[in-house]
Amino acid sequence: MRYTTLGSSGTVVSTQCLGTMTFGAEADEATSGAIIEAFVEAGGTFVDTADVYSKGVSEEIIGRWLKAHPADARDLVIATKGRFAMGDGANDLGLSRRHLRRALDDSLRRLGVEHIDLYQMHAWDAVTPLEETLRFLDDAVTAGKISYYGFSNYLGWQVTKAVHTAREHGWSAPVTLQPQYNLLVRDIEHEVVPACLDGGLGLLPWSPLAGGWLTGKYQRDTTPTGESRLGEDPERGMEAWEPRNRQERTWGVIDAVGEVAVQAGVTSAQVALAWVGAQPAVTSVILGARNVEQLADNLAAADLDLTADQLDRLSVVSAPRMDDYPYGTAGVGQRHRDLDPSSTD
């Protein structure tokens, strides 16, 4: 395992993070405990959860594990999230001070801790003033309930606005952003990644294997069957399967990942994870697993260094569409001084 700092903070975390959305759902408590133990044994120190994962059960499972393993718990950096509905009331969701105060206290109780290392806003809230949310988070840092805060699923302008609003008021600034990011989903490179680099936020990519697509287990025009997140229920996820299956780019990326894997003597999943981990601003890649076997294969990517040629090949074949203004040739020409702007009108 390798280690780095959590965004612009001084806290050190493993470059792979254990995602626990499966805990209490696809992984029962015994399996979840075995997954945590395998992660810790491999040198992992960073665990991510959320209050809405199994409606609080994921946090409760982690909390009981932490209590039963105090020596290991001391070295773990725990991250959780708040934002989505945990009740039926009008104030049981969002990023208001009222909801976040209750959500944070409930997460602390379920985790059985007095302090959370990283508290993340699970998504933007268009109703609550940003200043209200940021002031609450600054107060939570001052009160010692959290060390740092971050965001998840924010757009580039939302990240930038939050960073500069916090700085303007002298409040604690965000340190991380948790977006979906993988070889099939790279549109965050247009605006979100530059915003994070500018603001000093570390990326914590979720779904780095694109829901299993980048493991090589799916075949072109073949409906998933058997043990897969799509195959357990023939209808589940098919609305996403069909559009992706129809894209030639999808299969070009999958083929390239498989060929690099053969060349490197590793699995496709390890190649996909290594590519994400090598991208600018990435702090730690979130691994989701339903069992120890899945986790073990993914953990091996922590020490995999792809060659420059391999990284370039994967980046080229998976390049996000940037043909249209303002991201295409015309837009680039207007933003760079070394190009002739007359050719971009």
Protein backbone atom coordinates (compact mmCIF):
# COMPACT_ATOMS: atom_id res chain seq x y z
CA MET A 1 0.00 0.00 0.00
CA ARG A 2 1.07 3.56 -0.67
CA TYR A 3 0.17 6.71 1.24
CA THR A 4 -0.40 10.39 0.59
CA THR A 5 -1.96 13.38 2.28
CA LEU A 6 -5.72 13.90 2.30
CA GLY A 7 -6.06 16.68 -0.25
CA SER A 8 -4.35 19.82 1.03
CA SER A 9 -4.49 18.65 4.65
CA GLY A 10 -1.65 17.17 6.66
CA THR A 11 -3.46 13.92 7.43
CA VAL A 12 -1.96 10.85 5.73
CA VAL A 13 -4.21 8.24 4.11
CA SER A 14 -3.74 5.15 1.98
CA THR A 15 -4.02 5.73 -1.76
CA GLN A 16 -6.83 3.19 -1.79
CA CYS A 17 -9.96 3.84 0.24
CA LEU A 18 -12.44 1.20 1.34
CA GLY A 19 -15.93 2.10 0.16
CA THR A 20 -18.68 0.54 2.27
CA MET A 21 -21.90 1.09 0.35
CA THR A 22 -22.33 -2.71 0.18
CA PHE A 23 -22.24 -3.08 3.98
CA GLY A 24 -25.63 -4.13 5.29
CA ALA A 25 -26.94 -4.73 1.78
CA GLU A 26 -24.87 -6.95 -0.53
CA ALA A 27 -22.46 -7.79 2.30
CA ASP A 28 -23.77 -8.98 5.67
CA GLU A 29 -22.06 -7.99 8.91
CA ALA A 30 -19.71 -10.97 9.02
CA THR A 31 -18.61 -10.42 5.42
CA SER A 32 -18.29 -6.69 5.99
CA GLY A 33 -16.04 -7.30 8.99
CA ALA A 34 -13.87 -9.66 6.97
CA ILE A 35 -13.56 -7.03 4.24
CA ILE A 36 -12.42 -4.38 6.72
CA GLU A 37 -9.88 -6.78 8.23
CA ALA A 38 -8.48 -7.70 4.81
CA PHE A 39 -8.19 -4.02 3.93
CA VAL A 40 -6.38 -3.20 7.18
CA GLU A 41 -4.05 -6.19 6.81
CA ALA A 42 -3.10 -4.89 3.35
CA GLY A 43 -2.12 -1.54 4.87
CA GLY A 44 -5.33 0.35 4.13
CA THR A 45 -6.07 3.22 6.49
CA PHE A 46 -8.94 5.11 4.83
CA VAL A 47 -12.61 4.02 5.12
CA ASP A 48 -15.54 5.82 3.48
CA THR A 49 -19.23 5.46 4.29
CA ALA A 50 -22.43 7.57 4.36
CA ASP A 51 -25.50 7.84 6.52
CA VAL A 52 -27.78 6.71 3.68
CA TYR A 53 -25.85 3.50 2.99
CA SER A 54 -28.38 0.87 4.06
CA LYS A 55 -30.14 3.67 6.02
CA GLY A 56 -27.41 3.89 8.64
CA VAL A 57 -26.57 0.18 8.84
CA SER A 58 -23.21 0.62 7.09
CA GLU A 59 -22.13 3.15 9.73
CA GLU A 60 -23.39 0.88 12.51
CA ILE A 61 -21.43 -2.11 11.18
CA ILE A 62 -18.27 -0.01 10.98
CA GLY A 63 -18.91 1.33 14.47
CA ARG A 64 -19.18 -2.14 15.97
CA TRP A 65 -16.02 -3.21 14.16
CA LEU A 66 -14.12 -0.16 15.46
CA LYS A 67 -15.23 -0.93 19.01
CA ALA A 68 -14.14 -4.56 18.70
CA HIS A 69 -10.74 -3.64 17.20
CA PRO A 70 -9.50 -0.59 19.15
CA ALA A 71 -5.86 -1.01 18.16
CA ASP A 72 -6.64 -1.04 14.43
CA ALA A 73 -9.31 1.63 14.82
CA ARG A 74 -6.71 4.07 16.09
CA ASP A 75 -4.95 4.11 12.72
CA LEU A 76 -8.05 4.39 10.51
CA VAL A 77 -9.19 7.64 8.92
CA ILE A 78 -12.98 7.57 8.80
CA ALA A 79 -15.07 9.50 6.27
CA THR A 80 -18.83 9.71 6.09
CA LYS A 81 -21.45 11.87 4.36
CA GLY A 82 -24.68 13.70 5.01
CA ARG A 83 -27.28 15.32 2.74
CA PHE A 84 -29.90 12.81 1.65
CA ALA A 85 -33.14 11.90 3.40
CA MET A 86 -32.93 9.85 6.57
CA GLY A 87 -36.57 10.44 7.50
CA ASP A 88 -39.88 11.64 6.10
CA GLY A 89 -39.87 15.16 7.49
CA ALA A 90 -39.33 18.31 5.44
CA ASN A 91 -36.07 18.97 7.31
CA ASP A 92 -34.79 15.39 7.20
CA LEU A 93 -32.58 16.12 4.20
CA GLY A 94 -30.45 18.85 2.66
CA LEU A 95 -27.48 20.92 3.75
CA SER A 96 -29.22 23.24 6.19
CA ARG A 97 -27.70 23.81 9.61
CA ARG A 98 -30.73 22.12 11.17
CA HIS A 99 -30.43 18.92 9.15
CA LEU A 100 -26.64 18.68 9.21
CA ARG A 101 -26.49 19.13 12.98
CA ARG A 102 -28.78 16.14 13.46
CA ALA A 103 -27.19 14.13 10.65
CA LEU A 104 -23.67 14.61 12.02
CA ASP A 105 -24.68 13.70 15.57
CA ASP A 106 -26.48 10.60 14.31
CA SER A 107 -23.43 9.53 12.28
CA LEU A 108 -21.18 10.02 15.32
CA ARG A 109 -23.54 7.86 17.37
CA ARG A 110 -23.80 5.07 14.78
CA LEU A 111 -20.02 5.02 14.29
CA GLY A 112 -19.49 5.06 18.06
CA VAL A 113 -16.94 7.86 17.89
CA GLU A 114 -16.64 11.40 19.19
CA HIS A 115 -14.98 12.71 16.08
CA ILE A 116 -15.12 12.10 12.30
CA ASP A 117 -12.01 12.72 10.23
CA LEU A 118 -13.73 13.74 6.97
CA TYR A 119 -17.36 14.84 6.75
CA GLN A 120 -18.63 15.13 3.19
CA MET A 121 -21.64 16.88 1.68
CA HIS A 122 -23.14 14.09 -0.42
CA ALA A 123 -24.50 16.45 -3.12
CA TRP A 124 -25.21 20.13 -3.77
CA ASP A 125 -28.29 21.66 -2.15
CA ALA A 126 -29.86 24.38 -4.31
CA VAL A 127 -32.23 25.45 -1.49
CA THR A 128 -29.82 26.11 1.37
CA PRO A 129 -27.52 29.16 1.13
CA LEU A 130 -23.95 28.01 0.67
CA GLU A 131 -22.83 30.28 3.52
CA GLU A 132 -25.13 28.45 5.93
CA THR A 133 -23.62 25.08 5.05
CA LEU A 134 -20.03 26.29 5.18
CA ARG A 135 -20.52 28.10 8.49
CA PHE A 136 -21.95 24.92 10.02
CA LEU A 137 -18.96 22.94 8.81
CA ASP A 138 -16.54 25.52 10.17
CA ASP A 139 -18.36 25.37 13.52
CA ALA A 140 -18.13 21.56 13.47
CA VAL A 141 -14.37 21.78 12.94
CA THR A 142 -14.04 24.29 15.78
CA ALA A 143 -16.16 22.09 18.06
CA GLY A 144 -13.90 19.11 17.37
CA LYS A 145 -16.65 17.00 15.84
CA ILE A 146 -14.87 16.78 12.48
CA SER A 147 -11.30 17.42 11.33
CA TYR A 148 -12.03 18.26 7.70
CA TYR A 149 -14.89 18.45 5.27
CA GLY A 150 -15.34 17.80 1.59
CA PHE A 151 -17.96 17.40 -1.10
CA SER A 152 -19.32 14.69 -3.36
CA ASN A 153 -20.89 15.04 -6.80
CA TYR A 154 -20.30 18.80 -7.02
CA LEU A 155 -19.80 20.64 -10.30
CA GLY A 156 -16.73 22.73 -11.02
CA TRP A 157 -18.36 26.11 -10.36
CA GLN A 158 -19.84 24.78 -7.11
CA VAL A 159 -16.40 23.68 -5.90
CA THR A 160 -14.84 27.02 -6.80
CA LYS A 161 -17.63 29.03 -5.21
CA ALA A 162 -17.36 27.03 -1.98
CA VAL A 163 -13.58 27.36 -1.81
CA HIS A 164 -13.58 31.10 -2.28
CA THR A 165 -16.58 31.71 -0.03
CA ALA A 166 -14.82 29.85 2.79
CA ARG A 167 -11.61 31.80 2.20
CA GLU A 168 -13.45 35.12 2.10
CA HIS A 169 -14.97 34.52 5.53
CA GLY A 170 -11.88 32.95 7.07
CA TRP A 171 -13.66 29.62 7.56
CA SER A 172 -12.12 26.17 7.26
CA ALA A 173 -11.81 25.28 3.58
CA PRO A 174 -12.81 21.97 1.91
CA VAL A 175 -10.05 19.43 1.29
CA THR A 176 -11.64 16.78 -0.95
CA LEU A 177 -14.19 16.06 -3.66
CA GLN A 178 -15.69 12.64 -4.29
CA PRO A 179 -16.85 12.31 -7.92
CA GLN A 180 -17.52 9.41 -10.26
CA TYR A 181 -14.34 8.97 -12.30
CA ASN A 182 -13.10 6.12 -14.45
CA LEU A 183 -11.94 5.32 -17.97
CA LEU A 184 -15.53 5.37 -19.23
CA VAL A 185 -16.62 8.46 -17.30
CA ARG A 186 -14.11 11.28 -17.74
CA ASP A 187 -16.23 14.39 -18.27
CA ILE A 188 -15.14 15.80 -14.91
CA GLU A 189 -11.86 16.63 -16.64
CA HIS A 190 -13.58 19.52 -18.44
CA GLU A 191 -14.25 21.66 -15.36
CA VAL A 192 -14.28 19.68 -12.10
CA VAL A 193 -10.67 18.50 -12.08
CA PRO A 194 -9.29 21.97 -12.91
CA ALA A 195 -11.47 23.46 -10.16
CA CYS A 196 -10.09 20.96 -7.65
CA LEU A 197 -6.51 21.57 -8.72
CA ASP A 198 -7.07 25.32 -8.39
CA GLY A 199 -8.72 24.98 -4.98
CA GLY A 200 -6.34 22.40 -3.55
CA LEU A 201 -8.95 19.63 -3.24
CA GLY A 202 -7.94 15.99 -3.54
CA LEU A 203 -10.14 13.72 -5.65
CA LEU A 204 -11.63 10.55 -4.17
CA PRO A 205 -13.00 8.78 -7.26
CA TRP A 206 -16.01 6.51 -6.75
CA SER A 207 -16.97 3.75 -9.19
CA PRO A 208 -13.43 3.54 -10.61
CA LEU A 209 -14.40 0.28 -12.35
CA ALA A 210 -17.54 1.79 -13.90
CA GLY A 211 -19.86 -0.61 -12.11
CA GLY A 212 -17.86 -3.65 -13.21
CA TRP A 213 -17.57 -2.75 -16.89
CA LEU A 214 -13.81 -2.28 -16.66
CA THR A 215 -13.22 -5.70 -15.10
CA GLY A 216 -13.83 -7.32 -18.47
CA LYS A 217 -16.76 -9.43 -17.31
CA TYR A 218 -19.28 -7.97 -19.77
CA GLN A 219 -19.44 -8.89 -23.45
CA ARG A 220 -20.70 -6.83 -26.37
CA ASP A 221 -24.45 -7.28 -27.07
CA THR A 222 -24.70 -9.98 -24.39
CA THR A 223 -27.14 -9.30 -21.57
CA PRO A 224 -25.38 -9.87 -18.22
CA THR A 225 -26.35 -13.05 -16.40
CA GLY A 226 -25.11 -14.90 -13.35
CA GLU A 227 -23.28 -13.19 -10.49
CA SER A 228 -23.17 -9.55 -11.46
CA ARG A 229 -24.87 -6.46 -10.17
CA LEU A 230 -26.83 -6.36 -13.39
CA GLY A 231 -27.52 -10.08 -13.57
CA GLU A 232 -29.03 -10.55 -10.10
CA ASP A 233 -32.14 -8.77 -11.38
CA PRO A 234 -32.57 -8.86 -15.18
CA GLU A 235 -34.12 -5.39 -15.12
CA ARG A 236 -31.72 -3.74 -12.70
CA GLY A 237 -29.30 -1.39 -14.40
CA MET A 238 -30.42 -2.24 -17.91
CA GLU A 239 -31.32 1.37 -18.58
CA ALA A 240 -27.59 2.08 -18.22
CA TRP A 241 -26.43 -1.13 -19.89
CA GLU A 242 -28.08 -0.58 -23.27
CA PRO A 243 -26.75 2.94 -24.03
CA ARG A 244 -23.24 2.03 -22.94
CA ASN A 245 -23.34 -1.24 -24.90
CA ARG A 246 -24.21 0.68 -28.06
CA GLN A 247 -21.21 2.99 -27.81
CA GLU A 248 -18.19 1.90 -29.84
CA ARG A 249 -15.99 3.86 -27.44
CA THR A 250 -17.06 1.54 -24.59
CA TRP A 251 -15.69 -1.56 -26.24
CA GLY A 252 -12.58 0.21 -27.51
CA VAL A 253 -11.74 1.16 -23.92
CA ILE A 254 -12.52 -2.33 -22.58
CA ASP A 255 -10.38 -3.96 -25.27
CA ALA A 256 -7.46 -1.63 -24.56
CA VAL A 257 -7.69 -2.28 -20.81
CA GLY A 258 -7.66 -6.02 -21.44
CA GLU A 259 -4.66 -5.81 -23.76
CA VAL A 260 -2.67 -3.70 -21.30
CA ALA A 261 -3.58 -6.18 -18.56
CA VAL A 262 -2.19 -9.08 -20.58
CA GLN A 263 0.94 -7.08 -21.36
CA ALA A 264 1.47 -6.23 -17.69
CA GLY A 265 0.50 -9.66 -16.37
CA VAL A 266 -2.31 -8.29 -14.18
CA THR A 267 -6.11 -8.16 -14.24
CA SER A 268 -8.22 -5.66 -16.13
CA ALA A 269 -9.56 -4.29 -12.86
CA GLN A 270 -6.03 -3.59 -11.63
CA VAL A 271 -5.20 -1.71 -14.83
CA ALA A 272 -8.33 0.44 -14.60
CA LEU A 273 -7.65 1.26 -10.94
CA ALA A 274 -4.00 2.08 -11.62
CA TRP A 275 -4.98 4.47 -14.40
CA VAL A 276 -7.39 6.38 -12.15
CA GLY A 277 -4.86 6.52 -9.33
CA ALA A 278 -2.29 8.08 -11.66
CA GLN A 279 -4.49 11.01 -12.69
CA PRO A 280 -3.92 14.61 -11.52
CA ALA A 281 -5.44 15.61 -8.16
CA VAL A 282 -6.38 12.03 -7.22
CA THR A 283 -5.73 11.37 -3.53
CA SER A 284 -7.30 7.96 -2.94
CA VAL A 285 -9.35 5.60 -5.12
CA ILE A 286 -12.51 4.20 -3.52
CA LEU A 287 -12.82 0.42 -3.73
CA GLY A 288 -16.23 -1.16 -3.38
CA ALA A 289 -16.44 -4.89 -2.70
CA ARG A 290 -19.11 -7.47 -1.90
CA ASN A 291 -16.58 -10.03 -0.66
CA VAL A 292 -12.95 -10.44 0.32
CA GLU A 293 -12.01 -12.00 -3.02
CA GLN A 294 -13.11 -8.93 -4.97
CA LEU A 295 -11.22 -6.68 -2.59
CA ALA A 296 -8.02 -8.73 -2.79
CA ASP A 297 -7.82 -8.36 -6.56
CA ASN A 298 -8.41 -4.61 -6.35
CA LEU A 299 -5.85 -4.09 -3.59
CA ALA A 300 -3.10 -5.38 -5.86
CA ALA A 301 -3.49 -2.24 -7.98
CA ALA A 302 -2.01 -0.11 -5.19
CA ASP A 303 1.53 -1.05 -6.18
CA LEU A 304 0.97 -1.20 -9.95
CA ASP A 305 2.82 1.42 -11.98
CA LEU A 306 1.72 1.47 -15.60
CA THR A 307 4.30 2.65 -18.11
CA ALA A 308 3.97 6.05 -19.75
CA ASP A 309 3.03 4.33 -23.03
CA GLN A 310 0.35 2.25 -21.32
CA LEU A 311 -1.13 5.29 -19.56
CA ASP A 312 -1.08 7.25 -22.79
CA ARG A 313 -2.78 4.46 -24.73
CA LEU A 314 -5.57 4.23 -22.18
CA SER A 315 -5.98 8.00 -22.02
CA VAL A 316 -6.22 8.34 -25.80
CA VAL A 317 -8.74 5.57 -26.36
CA SER A 318 -10.94 6.80 -23.49
CA ALA A 319 -10.63 10.53 -24.18
CA PRO A 320 -13.86 12.38 -23.32
CA ARG A 321 -15.65 14.14 -26.14
CA MET A 322 -14.37 17.72 -26.42
CA ASP A 323 -15.31 18.61 -29.98
CA ASP A 324 -17.80 21.34 -29.20
CA TYR A 325 -17.14 24.89 -27.99
CA PRO A 326 -15.93 25.87 -25.48
CA TYR A 327 -13.90 22.67 -25.06
CA GLY A 328 -12.89 21.90 -28.65
CA THR A 329 -10.19 23.40 -30.84
CA ALA A 330 -11.96 26.76 -30.98
CA GLY A 331 -12.17 27.09 -27.23
CA VAL A 332 -8.60 25.96 -26.63
CA GLY A 333 -7.34 28.46 -29.19
CA GLN A 334 -9.02 31.32 -27.36
CA ARG A 335 -7.53 30.36 -24.01
CA HIS A 336 -3.89 29.82 -25.00
CA ARG A 337 -1.63 32.70 -25.94
CA ASP A 338 0.56 30.58 -28.22
CA LEU A 339 -2.28 29.93 -30.67
CA ASP A 340 -3.65 32.25 -33.33
CA PRO A 341 -7.05 33.47 -32.10
CA SER A 342 -8.07 34.41 -35.64
CA SER A 343 -8.34 30.69 -36.44
CA THR A 344 -10.90 30.12 -33.70
CA ASP A 345 -13.60 32.64 -34.64
